[in-house]
Protein backbone atom coordinates (compact mmCIF):
# COMPACT_ATOMS: atom_id res chain seq x y z
CA MET A 1 -22.37 -85.56 39.89
CA ASP A 2 -18.83 -83.84 41.31
CA THR A 3 -17.45 -80.87 40.11
CA ALA A 4 -15.53 -82.86 37.46
CA ASN A 5 -17.31 -84.76 36.06
CA LYS A 6 -19.47 -81.79 35.74
CA ARG A 7 -17.40 -79.13 33.61
CA THR A 8 -16.86 -82.24 31.28
CA ASP A 9 -20.45 -82.74 30.64
CA ASP A 10 -20.26 -79.16 30.11
CA ILE A 11 -17.27 -79.61 27.47
CA LEU A 12 -19.03 -82.26 25.74
CA GLY A 13 -22.91 -80.51 25.58
CA GLU A 14 -24.54 -82.64 27.99
CA GLY A 15 -24.35 -80.22 30.69
CA PRO A 16 -26.56 -77.45 31.15
CA SER A 17 -24.61 -74.60 30.06
CA CYS A 18 -24.65 -75.71 26.51
CA ALA A 19 -28.02 -76.06 26.93
CA LYS A 20 -28.67 -72.50 27.43
CA ILE A 21 -26.25 -71.12 24.96
CA ALA A 22 -27.76 -73.25 22.24
CA GLY A 23 -31.56 -72.45 23.64
CA MET A 24 -30.36 -68.55 23.14
CA THR A 25 -28.38 -68.76 19.36
CA LYS A 26 -30.45 -67.83 16.72
CA ASN A 27 -30.72 -69.73 13.02
CA LYS A 28 -29.72 -67.58 10.22
CA GLU A 29 -33.49 -67.41 8.96
CA ASP A 30 -35.14 -65.98 11.95
CA LEU A 31 -32.57 -62.23 12.14
CA PRO A 32 -34.02 -59.16 11.11
CA ALA A 33 -32.74 -58.94 7.19
CA PRO A 34 -30.25 -55.71 6.67
CA SER A 35 -31.60 -52.75 6.28
CA VAL A 36 -31.36 -51.61 2.57
CA ARG A 37 -30.51 -48.06 1.84
CA ARG A 38 -32.63 -46.33 -0.77
CA GLY A 39 -31.72 -44.67 -3.79
CA PRO A 40 -33.31 -41.33 -4.88
CA ARG A 41 -36.78 -41.00 -5.55
CA LYS A 42 -37.86 -40.13 -8.16
CA VAL A 43 -38.97 -36.53 -9.10
CA THR A 44 -42.01 -34.42 -9.77
CA GLU A 45 -43.07 -30.95 -10.09
CA LYS A 46 -44.64 -31.75 -6.56
CA ARG A 47 -41.68 -33.20 -5.07
CA LEU A 48 -39.32 -30.47 -5.76
CA HIS A 49 -41.81 -28.24 -4.37
CA ASN A 50 -41.43 -29.46 -0.91
CA VAL A 51 -37.81 -30.04 -1.17
CA ALA A 52 -37.55 -26.26 -2.03
CA LEU A 53 -40.07 -25.52 0.82
CA HIS A 54 -38.37 -27.64 3.47
CA TYR A 55 -34.95 -26.58 2.80
CA LEU A 56 -36.05 -23.28 2.55
CA ALA A 57 -37.23 -23.90 6.29
CA ARG A 58 -34.38 -25.20 7.33
CA TYR A 59 -31.35 -22.18 5.45
CA SER A 60 -31.52 -18.89 4.19
CA ALA A 61 -30.62 -19.20 0.93
CA SER A 62 -30.18 -17.66 -2.32
CA THR A 63 -31.71 -18.60 -5.21
CA GLU A 64 -28.33 -19.79 -7.18
CA SER A 65 -27.98 -22.19 -3.86
CA LEU A 66 -31.47 -23.63 -3.49
CA ARG A 67 -31.20 -23.98 -7.51
CA ARG A 68 -28.47 -26.16 -6.82
CA VAL A 69 -29.80 -28.52 -3.98
CA LEU A 70 -33.02 -28.63 -6.60
CA MET A 71 -31.09 -29.83 -9.47
CA ARG A 72 -28.78 -32.48 -7.51
CA ARG A 73 -33.08 -34.03 -7.04
CA VAL A 74 -33.33 -33.63 -10.78
CA GLN A 75 -30.09 -35.35 -11.57
CA GLY A 76 -30.36 -37.95 -9.09
CA SER A 77 -34.02 -38.94 -10.20
CA VAL A 78 -32.51 -39.04 -14.11
CA ARG A 79 -30.04 -41.64 -13.27
CA ALA A 80 -32.19 -43.99 -10.52
CA HIS A 81 -34.92 -43.50 -12.32
CA GLY A 82 -34.55 -42.11 -16.11
CA THR A 83 -36.94 -39.22 -15.98
CA ASP A 84 -36.53 -36.21 -18.21
CA PRO A 85 -33.10 -34.07 -17.25
CA GLU A 86 -34.96 -30.96 -19.15
CA GLU A 87 -38.39 -31.87 -18.11
CA GLY A 88 -37.29 -31.79 -14.71
CA ALA A 89 -34.80 -28.07 -14.88
CA GLY A 90 -38.14 -26.61 -16.47
CA TRP A 91 -39.63 -27.39 -13.28
CA VAL A 92 -36.83 -26.33 -10.67
CA GLU A 93 -37.10 -22.70 -13.21
CA GLU A 94 -40.75 -22.36 -12.47
CA LEU A 95 -40.09 -23.54 -8.83
CA ILE A 96 -37.80 -20.78 -8.30
CA VAL A 97 -39.26 -17.81 -10.25
CA ARG A 98 -43.08 -18.85 -8.06
CA LEU A 99 -40.93 -18.66 -4.78
CA GLN A 100 -39.15 -15.47 -5.73
CA GLY A 101 -42.58 -14.11 -6.41
CA GLN A 102 -44.00 -15.26 -3.47
CA GLY A 103 -41.00 -13.33 -1.09
CA TYR A 104 -39.65 -16.82 -0.11
CA VAL A 105 -36.01 -16.50 -1.96
CA ASP A 106 -34.51 -13.03 -2.17
CA ASP A 107 -31.28 -12.53 -2.81
CA ARG A 108 -30.55 -9.22 -1.80
CA ASN A 109 -32.19 -9.37 1.84
CA TYR A 110 -30.21 -12.69 1.89
CA ALA A 111 -26.99 -11.23 0.51
CA GLU A 112 -27.23 -8.64 3.34
CA ILE A 113 -27.68 -11.11 6.24
CA ARG A 114 -25.24 -13.10 5.51
CA ALA A 115 -22.74 -10.26 5.31
CA ARG A 116 -23.90 -9.12 8.71
CA SER A 117 -22.80 -11.96 10.08
CA LEU A 118 -19.79 -12.62 8.45
CA LEU A 119 -18.56 -9.08 9.36
CA ALA A 120 -19.77 -10.18 13.10
CA ARG A 121 -17.47 -12.63 12.88
CA GLY A 122 -14.16 -10.86 11.80
CA THR A 123 -14.39 -11.54 7.64
CA SER A 124 -13.11 -8.85 5.62
CA LEU A 125 -15.08 -6.62 3.04
CA ARG A 126 -13.06 -9.38 0.34
CA GLY A 127 -13.73 -12.10 1.96
CA ILE A 128 -17.76 -11.43 2.69
CA ARG A 129 -17.61 -10.52 -1.30
CA ALA A 130 -16.06 -13.24 -2.21
CA LYS A 131 -18.44 -16.01 -0.32
CA LEU A 132 -21.43 -14.33 -1.74
CA ARG A 133 -20.26 -14.78 -4.60
CA GLU A 134 -19.68 -18.58 -4.53
CA LYS A 135 -23.38 -18.43 -3.01
CA GLY A 136 -24.12 -17.35 -6.69
CA VAL A 137 -25.31 -13.55 -5.77
CA GLY A 138 -24.59 -10.95 -8.70
CA GLY A 139 -22.74 -8.57 -7.97
CA ASP A 140 -25.64 -5.41 -7.31
CA ASP A 141 -26.70 -7.42 -4.49
CA ILE A 142 -23.46 -7.46 -2.91
CA ASP A 143 -23.02 -3.61 -3.43
CA TRP A 144 -26.36 -3.23 -2.01
CA ALA A 145 -25.98 -5.67 0.94
CA LEU A 146 -22.04 -4.29 1.23
CA ALA A 147 -23.32 -0.80 1.90
CA ALA A 148 -26.18 -1.60 3.88
CA ALA A 149 -24.40 -3.98 6.04
CA THR A 150 -21.73 -1.26 6.85
CA LYS A 151 -23.26 1.47 6.94
CA GLU A 152 -22.88 1.68 10.56
CA PHE A 153 -19.28 1.14 11.09
CA PRO A 154 -17.33 3.82 9.28
CA SER A 155 -14.46 1.54 8.83
CA PRO A 156 -15.82 -1.78 8.50
CA ASP A 157 -12.52 -3.65 7.48
CA MET A 158 -11.93 -2.13 10.93
CA ALA A 159 -14.63 -3.51 12.79
CA ALA A 160 -14.18 -6.83 11.25
CA SER A 161 -10.67 -7.14 12.28
CA ALA A 162 -11.23 -6.18 15.78
CA ALA A 163 -14.21 -9.18 16.12
CA LEU A 164 -11.33 -11.29 14.06
CA ALA A 165 -8.43 -10.69 17.00
CA ARG A 166 -10.73 -11.12 19.59
CA ARG A 167 -11.86 -14.21 19.05
CA ARG A 168 -8.69 -15.41 17.96
CA ARG A 169 -7.37 -14.08 20.76
CA LEU A 170 -5.09 -12.04 18.67
CA GLY A 171 -2.74 -8.81 19.71
CA PRO A 172 -3.82 -7.18 22.40
CA TYR A 173 -5.50 -10.00 23.78
CA ARG A 174 -2.76 -11.87 23.90
CA THR A 175 -0.72 -11.56 27.29
CA ALA A 176 2.17 -8.79 27.26
CA ASP A 177 4.97 -11.53 27.53
CA SER A 178 3.43 -14.01 23.94
CA ARG A 179 2.72 -10.35 22.16
CA GLU A 180 6.22 -9.80 20.37
CA GLU A 181 7.07 -13.12 20.15
CA ARG A 182 3.75 -14.22 18.24
CA ARG A 183 3.70 -11.15 16.23
CA LYS A 184 4.65 -12.12 12.80
CA LYS A 185 2.26 -15.22 12.93
CA ASP A 186 -0.46 -12.88 13.85
CA LEU A 187 -0.31 -10.57 11.41
CA ALA A 188 0.06 -13.38 8.30
CA SER A 189 -3.45 -14.43 10.10
CA LEU A 190 -5.20 -10.97 9.52
CA ALA A 191 -3.28 -10.98 6.32
CA ARG A 192 -4.78 -14.70 5.31
CA ALA A 193 -8.38 -13.00 6.25
CA GLY A 194 -8.29 -11.21 3.81
CA PHE A 195 -7.30 -7.44 5.79
CA SER A 196 -4.60 -4.79 4.95
CA TYR A 197 -1.12 -5.37 5.84
CA ASP A 198 -1.82 -1.49 7.24
CA ILE A 199 -4.85 -2.39 9.15
CA ALA A 200 -3.44 -5.68 10.39
CA CYS A 201 -0.41 -3.64 11.89
CA ARG A 202 -2.48 -1.30 13.20
CA VAL A 203 -4.69 -4.11 14.84
CA ILE A 204 -2.37 -6.18 16.06
CA ASP A 205 0.60 -3.36 17.54
CA ALA A 206 -2.47 -1.95 19.43
CA GLU A 207 -1.78 -0.86 22.68
CA SER A 208 -5.21 -2.19 24.69
CA ILE A 209 -7.74 -3.90 23.68
CA ASP A 210 -9.80 -0.14 24.99
CA ALA A 211 -7.58 1.51 21.90
CA LEU A 212 -8.36 -1.40 19.50
CA GLU A 213 -12.29 -1.29 19.82
CA ASP A 214 -11.64 2.70 19.98
CA MET A 215 -10.18 2.07 16.73
CA ALA A 216 -12.29 -0.12 15.67
CA ALA A 217 -15.21 2.86 16.12
CA ALA A 218 -13.69 5.30 14.57
CA ARG A 219 -13.86 6.80 11.54
CA ALA A 220 -11.14 6.28 8.74
CA ASP A 221 -7.75 8.33 9.27
CA ASP A 222 -9.29 10.74 5.94
CA GLY A 223 -12.48 11.59 7.87
CA ALA A 224 -14.19 9.49 5.00
CA MET A 225 -16.45 6.65 5.20
CA ILE A 226 -14.48 3.73 3.69
CA ARG A 227 -15.56 2.94 -0.38
CA ILE A 228 -17.49 -0.23 -0.29
CA ARG A 229 -18.23 -0.86 -4.11
CA GLU A 230 -15.68 -2.12 -5.59
CA ASP A 231 -15.03 -2.18 -9.76
CA ILE A 232 -15.21 -5.33 -10.91
């Protein structure tokens, strides 16, 4: 068979290439069934307990954060399986009390750890307080956590603003020829982060990185420790 005839046979379905293609094609019924996304599982008291332990093993959580996670499971079960929402909510509250008694959930400890982490990342005291409130931490626990987390910092906001300047390369961390040009934007960055104008100016206008670090470690101007507690 010459080349022209071979090509004609292939086109007409009589050549070997069509046979190979036909052999490779599967019938629709032979294809695997598409995966079906599983809906919310029906909650039980034991199921909620397992969910709580799994969540706490992965994340540091406040009481309210854990409550929100568990209540989402309860609400999903109500919609998907018609379970009793009041019974589910009761299981959640009983479980939280039990976990608190066992030391798995401790808002004061959670708040202190979170406050230290946020302070090191350059979050202002105002910002830390707001973030802890979002997690449902109470005012007394926030006050205690801020006092504990900042006791080694004579001026916590100065230390935090210096950390933020270091992370974002603001003020003295910029090159000398760009500092003046970027000054207003750098001040605005610290203002948006919750720092006062006075602290922002001291950070952005610091003569050098060493001078800024010295200020971050120094006592407040009046020789007193920065007041941590806020009037709410």
